[in-house]
Amino acid sequence: MMTTPIFGATAQPDECRLYTLRNASGMAVTISERGAALRSWHAPDRYGRMADVVLAEPDHASSASPAARWQGRHAEGGVSLLLTAPGGAELLVNYHLDDDGSLIINYKATAAAPVALDVQLRPYFNLNGGHADVGDHMLQIDAAYFVEVDAGGAPAGVAAVGGTPFDFRQPAPIGPRLRWSGTQTRLMGGFNHCLFVRDHYAGGQGALREVARVVDPGSGRRLQMYTTEAALQLCTGQRAGFCLEAHARPCLMSAAWPQVVLRRGQVYRQTTVYRLALEA
């Protein structure tokens, strides 16, 4: 689809630049050079009232580059951000906002030497605009298995979601699930777990498909997530917001799990789409 012009905001020389994308529906998305992070997403509710559905701290940085500065620029109707990471890897992230409310994020990484890749932008959302917590948000994830963790948060094994708080194969409110008794949610203070949305292990980019959706009954906003990846990370923190982020799914026994290890000259690609719309 055609999109409306892009507007960018420049910063002082010693500050990170912010880039803003707008579409014909009146949405406005802002991306920061620090961490290549999604900083805000203003969108209307069912009554046409605008609100920011992203929770972001000032100068929030991704865990992949806590101190590095990404170099951003307008490109191909969107925003491109490039980071040269230690070890010679280059990370490129492209954001594009369509008029149907789809925020398309394309990732590309190349390596000059073997390197563990862990690109985490970790966008946190609250579809009511922060007026309340996300306890009544209805979450659905197409996943039959999740990764159990130990007391330190490290992967400990794979378990079926059936009979656990992680079973979101049918829509369910987030809040009540956080109150379920269970070792896993107690260890992490909520959800901070990987769920498998495909049956295969990593070994090539899969087809883009919907793997999760979240609906806020109050505002009528609906967020759908599409990805080419085999897993996603579900995080809830203290119920102020939620995060759904795509991950590759290497073998559980890999020492770099859940990272992707790039060999020299290898290229890693990933596409994730967040589509924000209103329930009919």
C-alpha atoms as a PDB file:
ATOM      1  CA  MET A   1       0.000   0.000   0.000  1.00  0.00           C
ATOM      2  CA  MET A   2       1.019   3.588  -0.434  1.00  0.00           C
ATOM      3  CA  THR A   3       2.003   5.360   2.740  1.00  0.00           C
ATOM      4  CA  THR A   4       1.970   9.010   3.645  1.00  0.00           C
ATOM      5  CA  PRO A   5       5.239  10.975   3.825  1.00  0.00           C
ATOM      6  CA  ILE A   6       7.725  10.225   6.575  1.00  0.00           C
ATOM      7  CA  PHE A   7       8.778  12.885   9.033  1.00  0.00           C
ATOM      8  CA  GLY A   8      11.996  12.677  11.031  1.00  0.00           C
ATOM      9  CA  ALA A   9      13.025  14.617  14.113  1.00  0.00           C
ATOM     10  CA  THR A  10      16.706  15.432  14.482  1.00  0.00           C
ATOM     11  CA  ALA A  11      18.506  15.598  17.805  1.00  0.00           C
ATOM     12  CA  GLN A  12      21.497  17.442  19.210  1.00  0.00           C
ATOM     13  CA  PRO A  13      24.874  16.034  18.048  1.00  0.00           C
ATOM     14  CA  ASP A  14      25.435  14.151  21.319  1.00  0.00           C
ATOM     15  CA  GLU A  15      21.905  12.708  21.440  1.00  0.00           C
ATOM     16  CA  CYS A  16      20.150   9.882  19.626  1.00  0.00           C
ATOM     17  CA  ARG A  17      17.922  10.809  16.725  1.00  0.00           C
ATOM     18  CA  LEU A  18      14.238   9.938  16.676  1.00  0.00           C
ATOM     19  CA  TYR A  19      12.450   9.012  13.450  1.00  0.00           C
ATOM     20  CA  THR A  20       8.695   9.229  13.001  1.00  0.00           C
ATOM     21  CA  LEU A  21       6.580   7.305  10.501  1.00  0.00           C
ATOM     22  CA  ARG A  22       2.966   8.252   9.778  1.00  0.00           C
ATOM     23  CA  ASN A  23       0.195   6.618   7.766  1.00  0.00           C
ATOM     24  CA  ALA A  24      -3.125   7.651   6.258  1.00  0.00           C
ATOM     25  CA  SER A  25      -5.018   6.409   9.321  1.00  0.00           C
ATOM     26  CA  GLY A  26      -3.396   9.026  11.544  1.00  0.00           C
ATOM     27  CA  MET A  27      -1.016   6.591  13.254  1.00  0.00           C
ATOM     28  CA  ALA A  28       2.437   7.824  14.214  1.00  0.00           C
ATOM     29  CA  VAL A  29       5.329   5.511  15.107  1.00  0.00           C
ATOM     30  CA  THR A  30       8.600   6.782  16.578  1.00  0.00           C
ATOM     31  CA  ILE A  31      11.882   4.842  16.484  1.00  0.00           C
ATOM     32  CA  SER A  32      15.052   5.747  18.373  1.00  0.00           C
ATOM     33  CA  GLU A  33      18.659   5.286  17.281  1.00  0.00           C
ATOM     34  CA  ARG A  34      19.403   4.025  20.779  1.00  0.00           C
ATOM     35  CA  GLY A  35      18.803   0.306  20.653  1.00  0.00           C
ATOM     36  CA  ALA A  36      16.873   0.692  17.357  1.00  0.00           C
ATOM     37  CA  ALA A  37      13.929   0.706  19.749  1.00  0.00           C
ATOM     38  CA  LEU A  38      10.258   1.394  19.150  1.00  0.00           C
ATOM     39  CA  ARG A  39       9.609   4.426  21.349  1.00  0.00           C
ATOM     40  CA  SER A  40       5.945   5.250  20.687  1.00  0.00           C
ATOM     41  CA  TRP A  41       2.946   4.252  18.600  1.00  0.00           C
ATOM     42  CA  HIS A  42      -0.015   6.631  18.602  1.00  0.00           C
ATOM     43  CA  ALA A  43      -3.213   5.023  17.348  1.00  0.00           C
ATOM     44  CA  PRO A  44      -6.969   5.654  17.664  1.00  0.00           C
ATOM     45  CA  ASP A  45      -9.379   3.666  19.807  1.00  0.00           C
ATOM     46  CA  ARG A  46     -12.932   2.710  18.778  1.00  0.00           C
ATOM     47  CA  TYR A  47     -14.052   6.281  19.501  1.00  0.00           C
ATOM     48  CA  GLY A  48     -11.245   7.896  17.501  1.00  0.00           C
ATOM     49  CA  ARG A  49      -9.293   8.976  20.585  1.00  0.00           C
ATOM     50  CA  MET A  50      -5.516   8.810  20.079  1.00  0.00           C
ATOM     51  CA  ALA A  51      -3.167   7.242  22.623  1.00  0.00           C
ATOM     52  CA  ASP A  52       0.370   5.882  22.763  1.00  0.00           C
ATOM     53  CA  VAL A  53       0.226   2.074  23.056  1.00  0.00           C
ATOM     54  CA  VAL A  54       3.986   1.589  23.603  1.00  0.00           C
ATOM     55  CA  LEU A  55       5.676   1.632  27.000  1.00  0.00           C
ATOM     56  CA  ALA A  56       9.243   2.881  26.610  1.00  0.00           C
ATOM     57  CA  GLU A  57      11.780   4.433  28.911  1.00  0.00           C
ATOM     58  CA  PRO A  58      13.800   7.419  27.688  1.00  0.00           C
ATOM     59  CA  ASP A  59      16.736   6.247  25.578  1.00  0.00           C
ATOM     60  CA  HIS A  60      15.720   2.614  26.090  1.00  0.00           C
ATOM     61  CA  ALA A  61      18.385   0.299  24.682  1.00  0.00           C
ATOM     62  CA  SER A  62      18.120  -3.267  23.489  1.00  0.00           C
ATOM     63  CA  SER A  63      20.030  -5.994  25.257  1.00  0.00           C
ATOM     64  CA  ALA A  64      21.966  -6.599  22.061  1.00  0.00           C
ATOM     65  CA  SER A  65      23.580  -3.156  22.220  1.00  0.00           C
ATOM     66  CA  PRO A  66      23.251  -1.605  25.683  1.00  0.00           C
ATOM     67  CA  ALA A  67      25.845   1.099  25.037  1.00  0.00           C
ATOM     68  CA  ALA A  68      26.145   1.199  21.202  1.00  0.00           C
ATOM     69  CA  ARG A  69      24.644   3.879  18.920  1.00  0.00           C
ATOM     70  CA  TRP A  70      22.740   2.688  15.869  1.00  0.00           C
ATOM     71  CA  GLN A  71      23.011   4.876  12.762  1.00  0.00           C
ATOM     72  CA  GLY A  72      19.582   5.661  11.350  1.00  0.00           C
ATOM     73  CA  ARG A  73      18.385   7.103   8.059  1.00  0.00           C
ATOM     74  CA  HIS A  74      15.242   7.363   5.966  1.00  0.00           C
ATOM     75  CA  ALA A  75      15.225   4.654   3.307  1.00  0.00           C
ATOM     76  CA  GLU A  76      12.712   3.063   0.950  1.00  0.00           C
ATOM     77  CA  GLY A  77       9.682   4.657   2.566  1.00  0.00           C
ATOM     78  CA  GLY A  78      10.736   3.732   6.091  1.00  0.00           C
ATOM     79  CA  VAL A  79      13.632   3.908   8.518  1.00  0.00           C
ATOM     80  CA  SER A  80      16.832   1.846   8.404  1.00  0.00           C
ATOM     81  CA  LEU A  81      19.179   1.485  11.381  1.00  0.00           C
ATOM     82  CA  LEU A  82      22.657  -0.031  11.186  1.00  0.00           C
ATOM     83  CA  LEU A  83      24.933  -1.239  13.980  1.00  0.00           C
ATOM     84  CA  THR A  84      28.437  -2.665  13.711  1.00  0.00           C
ATOM     85  CA  ALA A  85      28.711  -4.973  16.703  1.00  0.00           C
ATOM     86  CA  PRO A  86      31.840  -6.289  18.444  1.00  0.00           C
ATOM     87  CA  GLY A  87      33.314  -9.218  16.541  1.00  0.00           C
ATOM     88  CA  GLY A  88      32.582  -7.697  13.149  1.00  0.00           C
ATOM     89  CA  ALA A  89      28.880  -8.470  12.863  1.00  0.00           C
ATOM     90  CA  GLU A  90      26.639  -5.945  11.139  1.00  0.00           C
ATOM     91  CA  LEU A  91      23.016  -5.636  12.201  1.00  0.00           C
ATOM     92  CA  LEU A  92      20.457  -3.891  10.009  1.00  0.00           C
ATOM     93  CA  VAL A  93      16.868  -3.194  11.091  1.00  0.00           C
ATOM     94  CA  ASN A  94      14.263  -1.694   8.771  1.00  0.00           C
ATOM     95  CA  TYR A  95      10.914  -0.296   9.947  1.00  0.00           C
ATOM     96  CA  HIS A  96       8.010   0.411   7.593  1.00  0.00           C
ATOM     97  CA  LEU A  97       4.458   1.523   8.511  1.00  0.00           C
ATOM     98  CA  ASP A  98       1.613   0.634   6.131  1.00  0.00           C
ATOM     99  CA  ASP A  99      -1.745   2.337   5.901  1.00  0.00           C
ATOM    100  CA  ASP A 100      -3.486  -0.792   7.222  1.00  0.00           C
ATOM    101  CA  GLY A 101      -1.689  -0.383  10.564  1.00  0.00           C
ATOM    102  CA  SER A 102       1.067  -2.930   9.887  1.00  0.00           C
ATOM    103  CA  LEU A 103       4.484  -2.087  11.311  1.00  0.00           C
ATOM    104  CA  ILE A 104       6.872  -4.265   9.297  1.00  0.00           C
ATOM    105  CA  ILE A 105      10.276  -4.943  10.859  1.00  0.00           C
ATOM    106  CA  ASN A 106      12.954  -6.637   8.760  1.00  0.00           C
ATOM    107  CA  TYR A 107      16.187  -7.784  10.399  1.00  0.00           C
ATOM    108  CA  LYS A 108      19.424  -8.699   8.628  1.00  0.00           C
ATOM    109  CA  ALA A 109      22.723  -9.705  10.226  1.00  0.00           C
ATOM    110  CA  THR A 110      26.049 -10.663   8.687  1.00  0.00           C
ATOM    111  CA  ALA A 111      29.237 -11.823  10.401  1.00  0.00           C
ATOM    112  CA  ALA A 112      32.929 -11.449   9.562  1.00  0.00           C
ATOM    113  CA  ALA A 113      33.762 -14.109  12.154  1.00  0.00           C
ATOM    114  CA  PRO A 114      31.736 -16.563  14.281  1.00  0.00           C
ATOM    115  CA  VAL A 115      29.569 -14.537  16.635  1.00  0.00           C
ATOM    116  CA  ALA A 116      26.548 -15.144  18.879  1.00  0.00           C
ATOM    117  CA  LEU A 117      23.669 -13.001  17.704  1.00  0.00           C
ATOM    118  CA  ASP A 118      21.039 -11.847  20.184  1.00  0.00           C
ATOM    119  CA  VAL A 119      18.947  -9.054  18.690  1.00  0.00           C
ATOM    120  CA  GLN A 120      16.253  -8.040  21.169  1.00  0.00           C
ATOM    121  CA  LEU A 121      14.297  -4.849  20.608  1.00  0.00           C
ATOM    122  CA  ARG A 122      11.747  -5.817  23.303  1.00  0.00           C
ATOM    123  CA  PRO A 123       8.768  -3.554  22.490  1.00  0.00           C
ATOM    124  CA  TYR A 124       6.302  -3.367  25.399  1.00  0.00           C
ATOM    125  CA  PHE A 125       2.670  -2.586  24.639  1.00  0.00           C
ATOM    126  CA  ASN A 126      -0.388  -1.456  26.575  1.00  0.00           C
ATOM    127  CA  LEU A 127      -3.333  -1.223  24.215  1.00  0.00           C
ATOM    128  CA  ASN A 128      -5.399   0.993  26.522  1.00  0.00           C
ATOM    129  CA  GLY A 129      -2.716   3.673  26.325  1.00  0.00           C
ATOM    130  CA  GLY A 130      -1.522   3.233  29.897  1.00  0.00           C
ATOM    131  CA  HIS A 131      -4.801   4.220  31.565  1.00  0.00           C
ATOM    132  CA  ALA A 132      -4.827   0.847  33.355  1.00  0.00           C
ATOM    133  CA  ASP A 133      -2.755  -2.323  33.415  1.00  0.00           C
ATOM    134  CA  VAL A 134      -3.038  -5.113  30.833  1.00  0.00           C
ATOM    135  CA  GLY A 135      -4.791  -7.600  33.110  1.00  0.00           C
ATOM    136  CA  ASP A 136      -7.974  -7.622  31.014  1.00  0.00           C
ATOM    137  CA  HIS A 137      -6.161  -7.832  27.662  1.00  0.00           C
ATOM    138  CA  MET A 138      -7.219 -11.004  25.850  1.00  0.00           C
ATOM    139  CA  LEU A 139      -4.135 -12.894  24.656  1.00  0.00           C
ATOM    140  CA  GLN A 140      -3.964 -15.720  22.123  1.00  0.00           C
ATOM    141  CA  ILE A 141      -0.735 -17.502  21.105  1.00  0.00           C
ATOM    142  CA  ASP A 142      -0.521 -20.399  18.660  1.00  0.00           C
ATOM    143  CA  ALA A 143       1.931 -22.416  20.755  1.00  0.00           C
ATOM    144  CA  ALA A 144       1.685 -25.916  22.244  1.00  0.00           C
ATOM    145  CA  TYR A 145       5.067 -25.942  24.028  1.00  0.00           C
ATOM    146  CA  PHE A 146       7.133 -23.546  26.124  1.00  0.00           C
ATOM    147  CA  VAL A 147      10.606 -23.499  27.655  1.00  0.00           C
ATOM    148  CA  GLU A 148      10.841 -24.039  31.395  1.00  0.00           C
ATOM    149  CA  VAL A 149      13.545 -22.052  33.198  1.00  0.00           C
ATOM    150  CA  ASP A 150      15.575 -22.547  36.344  1.00  0.00           C
ATOM    151  CA  ALA A 151      15.937 -20.115  39.256  1.00  0.00           C
ATOM    152  CA  GLY A 152      18.440 -18.071  37.264  1.00  0.00           C
ATOM    153  CA  GLY A 153      16.202 -17.822  34.217  1.00  0.00           C
ATOM    154  CA  ALA A 154      18.278 -20.253  32.119  1.00  0.00           C
ATOM    155  CA  PRO A 155      16.504 -22.833  29.905  1.00  0.00           C
ATOM    156  CA  ALA A 156      15.818 -26.058  31.801  1.00  0.00           C
ATOM    157  CA  GLY A 157      13.622 -28.059  29.423  1.00  0.00           C
ATOM    158  CA  VAL A 158      10.552 -28.097  27.184  1.00  0.00           C
ATOM    159  CA  ALA A 159       7.020 -28.651  28.496  1.00  0.00           C
ATOM    160  CA  ALA A 160       3.519 -28.791  27.010  1.00  0.00           C
ATOM    161  CA  VAL A 161       1.357 -25.748  27.708  1.00  0.00           C
ATOM    162  CA  GLY A 162      -1.728 -27.824  28.532  1.00  0.00           C
ATOM    163  CA  GLY A 163      -2.894 -27.349  32.116  1.00  0.00           C
ATOM    164  CA  THR A 164      -0.438 -24.481  32.702  1.00  0.00           C
ATOM    165  CA  PRO A 165      -0.753 -20.678  32.687  1.00  0.00           C
ATOM    166  CA  PHE A 166       1.048 -20.744  29.317  1.00  0.00           C
ATOM    167  CA  ASP A 167      -1.883 -22.262  27.428  1.00  0.00           C
ATOM    168  CA  PHE A 168      -3.108 -19.340  25.317  1.00  0.00           C
ATOM    169  CA  ARG A 169      -4.254 -21.455  22.400  1.00  0.00           C
ATOM    170  CA  GLN A 170      -7.701 -20.004  23.099  1.00  0.00           C
ATOM    171  CA  PRO A 171      -8.024 -16.301  24.010  1.00  0.00           C
ATOM    172  CA  ALA A 172      -7.655 -15.676  27.743  1.00  0.00           C
ATOM    173  CA  PRO A 173      -7.157 -12.564  29.911  1.00  0.00           C
ATOM    174  CA  ILE A 174      -3.572 -12.016  31.031  1.00  0.00           C
ATOM    175  CA  GLY A 175      -4.327 -10.981  34.628  1.00  0.00           C
ATOM    176  CA  PRO A 176      -5.951 -14.190  35.909  1.00  0.00           C
ATOM    177  CA  ARG A 177      -3.136 -16.272  34.409  1.00  0.00           C
ATOM    178  CA  LEU A 178      -0.603 -14.337  36.467  1.00  0.00           C
ATOM    179  CA  ARG A 179      -2.483 -15.366  39.598  1.00  0.00           C
ATOM    180  CA  TRP A 180      -2.287 -19.085  38.836  1.00  0.00           C
ATOM    181  CA  SER A 181      -0.081 -20.976  41.240  1.00  0.00           C
ATOM    182  CA  GLY A 182       2.977 -22.354  39.502  1.00  0.00           C
ATOM    183  CA  THR A 183       6.693 -22.526  39.915  1.00  0.00           C
ATOM    184  CA  GLN A 184       7.513 -21.026  36.538  1.00  0.00           C
ATOM    185  CA  THR A 185       5.595 -17.754  36.870  1.00  0.00           C
ATOM    186  CA  ARG A 186       6.715 -17.443  40.485  1.00  0.00           C
ATOM    187  CA  LEU A 187      10.395 -17.835  39.529  1.00  0.00           C
ATOM    188  CA  MET A 188      10.184 -15.074  36.924  1.00  0.00           C
ATOM    189  CA  GLY A 189       7.693 -12.812  38.666  1.00  0.00           C
ATOM    190  CA  GLY A 190       5.236 -13.337  35.810  1.00  0.00           C
ATOM    191  CA  PHE A 191       5.748 -14.376  32.223  1.00  0.00           C
ATOM    192  CA  ASN A 192       9.254 -14.147  30.795  1.00  0.00           C
ATOM    193  CA  HIS A 193       9.323 -17.317  28.750  1.00  0.00           C
ATOM    194  CA  CYS A 194       9.880 -18.625  25.251  1.00  0.00           C
ATOM    195  CA  LEU A 195       6.984 -20.367  23.471  1.00  0.00           C
ATOM    196  CA  PHE A 196       7.314 -22.421  20.287  1.00  0.00           C
ATOM    197  CA  VAL A 197       5.071 -21.261  17.450  1.00  0.00           C
ATOM    198  CA  ARG A 198       6.497 -23.703  14.898  1.00  0.00           C
ATOM    199  CA  ASP A 199       7.414 -27.375  15.081  1.00  0.00           C
ATOM    200  CA  HIS A 200      10.784 -27.114  13.338  1.00  0.00           C
ATOM    201  CA  TYR A 201      14.143 -26.014  14.673  1.00  0.00           C
ATOM    202  CA  ALA A 202      15.969 -23.043  13.196  1.00  0.00           C
ATOM    203  CA  GLY A 203      17.582 -23.711   9.878  1.00  0.00           C
ATOM    204  CA  GLY A 204      16.138 -21.186   7.515  1.00  0.00           C
ATOM    205  CA  GLN A 205      13.480 -18.516   7.411  1.00  0.00           C
ATOM    206  CA  GLY A 206       9.925 -19.796   7.587  1.00  0.00           C
ATOM    207  CA  ALA A 207       6.829 -18.333   5.957  1.00  0.00           C
ATOM    208  CA  LEU A 208       5.371 -15.201   7.499  1.00  0.00           C
ATOM    209  CA  ARG A 209       2.261 -16.129   9.483  1.00  0.00           C
ATOM    210  CA  GLU A 210       0.152 -14.905  12.381  1.00  0.00           C
ATOM    211  CA  VAL A 211       1.296 -16.411  15.685  1.00  0.00           C
ATOM    212  CA  ALA A 212      -0.337 -14.206  18.332  1.00  0.00           C
ATOM    213  CA  ARG A 213      -2.998 -11.571  18.896  1.00  0.00           C
ATOM    214  CA  VAL A 214      -4.005  -9.369  21.793  1.00  0.00           C
ATOM    215  CA  VAL A 215      -7.314  -7.497  22.196  1.00  0.00           C
ATOM    216  CA  ASP A 216      -8.098  -4.727  24.685  1.00  0.00           C
ATOM    217  CA  PRO A 217     -11.872  -4.880  25.325  1.00  0.00           C
ATOM    218  CA  GLY A 218     -12.020  -1.308  26.596  1.00  0.00           C
ATOM    219  CA  SER A 219     -10.403   0.540  23.690  1.00  0.00           C
ATOM    220  CA  GLY A 220     -11.224  -1.989  20.993  1.00  0.00           C
ATOM    221  CA  ARG A 221      -7.619  -2.038  19.826  1.00  0.00           C
ATOM    222  CA  ARG A 222      -6.279  -5.339  18.484  1.00  0.00           C
ATOM    223  CA  LEU A 223      -2.588  -6.171  18.002  1.00  0.00           C
ATOM    224  CA  GLN A 224      -1.706  -9.083  15.730  1.00  0.00           C
ATOM    225  CA  MET A 225       1.818 -10.470  15.483  1.00  0.00           C
ATOM    226  CA  TYR A 226       3.204 -12.194  12.398  1.00  0.00           C
ATOM    227  CA  THR A 227       6.698 -13.633  12.132  1.00  0.00           C
ATOM    228  CA  THR A 228       8.969 -15.879  10.101  1.00  0.00           C
ATOM    229  CA  GLU A 229      10.560 -17.188  13.308  1.00  0.00           C
ATOM    230  CA  ALA A 230       9.968 -20.429  15.217  1.00  0.00           C
ATOM    231  CA  ALA A 231       9.451 -19.015  18.714  1.00  0.00           C
ATOM    232  CA  LEU A 232       8.430 -15.919  20.614  1.00  0.00           C
ATOM    233  CA  GLN A 233       9.256 -14.477  24.007  1.00  0.00           C
ATOM    234  CA  LEU A 234       6.287 -13.519  26.198  1.00  0.00           C
ATOM    235  CA  CYS A 235       7.023 -10.978  28.948  1.00  0.00           C
ATOM    236  CA  THR A 236       4.593  -9.207  31.256  1.00  0.00           C
ATOM    237  CA  GLY A 237       6.703  -7.531  33.926  1.00  0.00           C
ATOM    238  CA  GLN A 238       4.407  -6.041  36.574  1.00  0.00           C
ATOM    239  CA  ARG A 239       1.290  -6.052  34.362  1.00  0.00           C
ATOM    240  CA  ALA A 240       1.882  -2.493  33.162  1.00  0.00           C
ATOM    241  CA  GLY A 241       2.515  -3.865  29.682  1.00  0.00           C
ATOM    242  CA  PHE A 242       3.306  -6.977  27.680  1.00  0.00           C
ATOM    243  CA  CYS A 243       5.986  -7.918  25.187  1.00  0.00           C
ATOM    244  CA  LEU A 244       5.773 -10.374  22.322  1.00  0.00           C
ATOM    245  CA  GLU A 245       9.098 -10.703  20.503  1.00  0.00           C
ATOM    246  CA  ALA A 246      10.109 -13.215  17.852  1.00  0.00           C
ATOM    247  CA  HIS A 247      13.083 -15.535  18.322  1.00  0.00           C
ATOM    248  CA  ALA A 248      14.779 -18.268  16.348  1.00  0.00           C
ATOM    249  CA  ARG A 249      14.627 -21.754  17.836  1.00  0.00           C
ATOM    250  CA  PRO A 250      18.038 -23.448  17.829  1.00  0.00           C
ATOM    251  CA  CYS A 251      18.550 -26.834  19.461  1.00  0.00           C
ATOM    252  CA  LEU A 252      17.862 -26.695  23.189  1.00  0.00           C
ATOM    253  CA  MET A 253      21.260 -28.241  23.912  1.00  0.00           C
ATOM    254  CA  SER A 254      23.107 -25.470  22.076  1.00  0.00           C
ATOM    255  CA  ALA A 255      25.449 -23.573  24.365  1.00  0.00           C
ATOM    256  CA  ALA A 256      24.254 -20.330  22.799  1.00  0.00           C
ATOM    257  CA  TRP A 257      20.546 -21.051  23.248  1.00  0.00           C
ATOM    258  CA  PRO A 258      18.410 -19.037  22.616  1.00  0.00           C
ATOM    259  CA  GLN A 259      20.936 -17.096  20.552  1.00  0.00           C
ATOM    260  CA  VAL A 260      21.762 -17.648  16.900  1.00  0.00           C
ATOM    261  CA  VAL A 261      25.432 -18.321  16.174  1.00  0.00           C
ATOM    262  CA  LEU A 262      26.512 -16.825  12.849  1.00  0.00           C
ATOM    263  CA  ARG A 263      29.463 -18.269  10.972  1.00  0.00           C
ATOM    264  CA  ARG A 264      31.728 -16.126   8.859  1.00  0.00           C
ATOM    265  CA  GLY A 265      29.875 -14.848   5.803  1.00  0.00           C
ATOM    266  CA  GLN A 266      26.537 -16.232   7.000  1.00  0.00           C
ATOM    267  CA  VAL A 267      23.456 -14.027   6.683  1.00  0.00           C
ATOM    268  CA  TYR A 268      20.568 -14.113   9.166  1.00  0.00           C
ATOM    269  CA  ARG A 269      17.194 -12.650   8.181  1.00  0.00           C
ATOM    270  CA  GLN A 270      13.978 -12.251  10.092  1.00  0.00           C
ATOM    271  CA  THR A 271      10.668 -10.492   9.497  1.00  0.00           C
ATOM    272  CA  THR A 272       8.175  -9.546  12.192  1.00  0.00           C
ATOM    273  CA  VAL A 273       4.957  -7.608  11.642  1.00  0.00           C
ATOM    274  CA  TYR A 274       2.837  -5.981  14.347  1.00  0.00           C
ATOM    275  CA  ARG A 275      -0.572  -5.022  12.958  1.00  0.00           C
ATOM    276  CA  LEU A 276      -2.639  -2.619  15.031  1.00  0.00           C
ATOM    277  CA  ALA A 277      -6.318  -2.302  14.169  1.00  0.00           C
ATOM    278  CA  LEU A 278      -9.773  -2.163  15.764  1.00  0.00           C
ATOM    279  CA  GLU A 279     -12.062  -5.067  16.551  1.00  0.00           C
ATOM    280  CA  ALA A 280     -15.136  -5.183  14.299  1.00  0.00           C
END
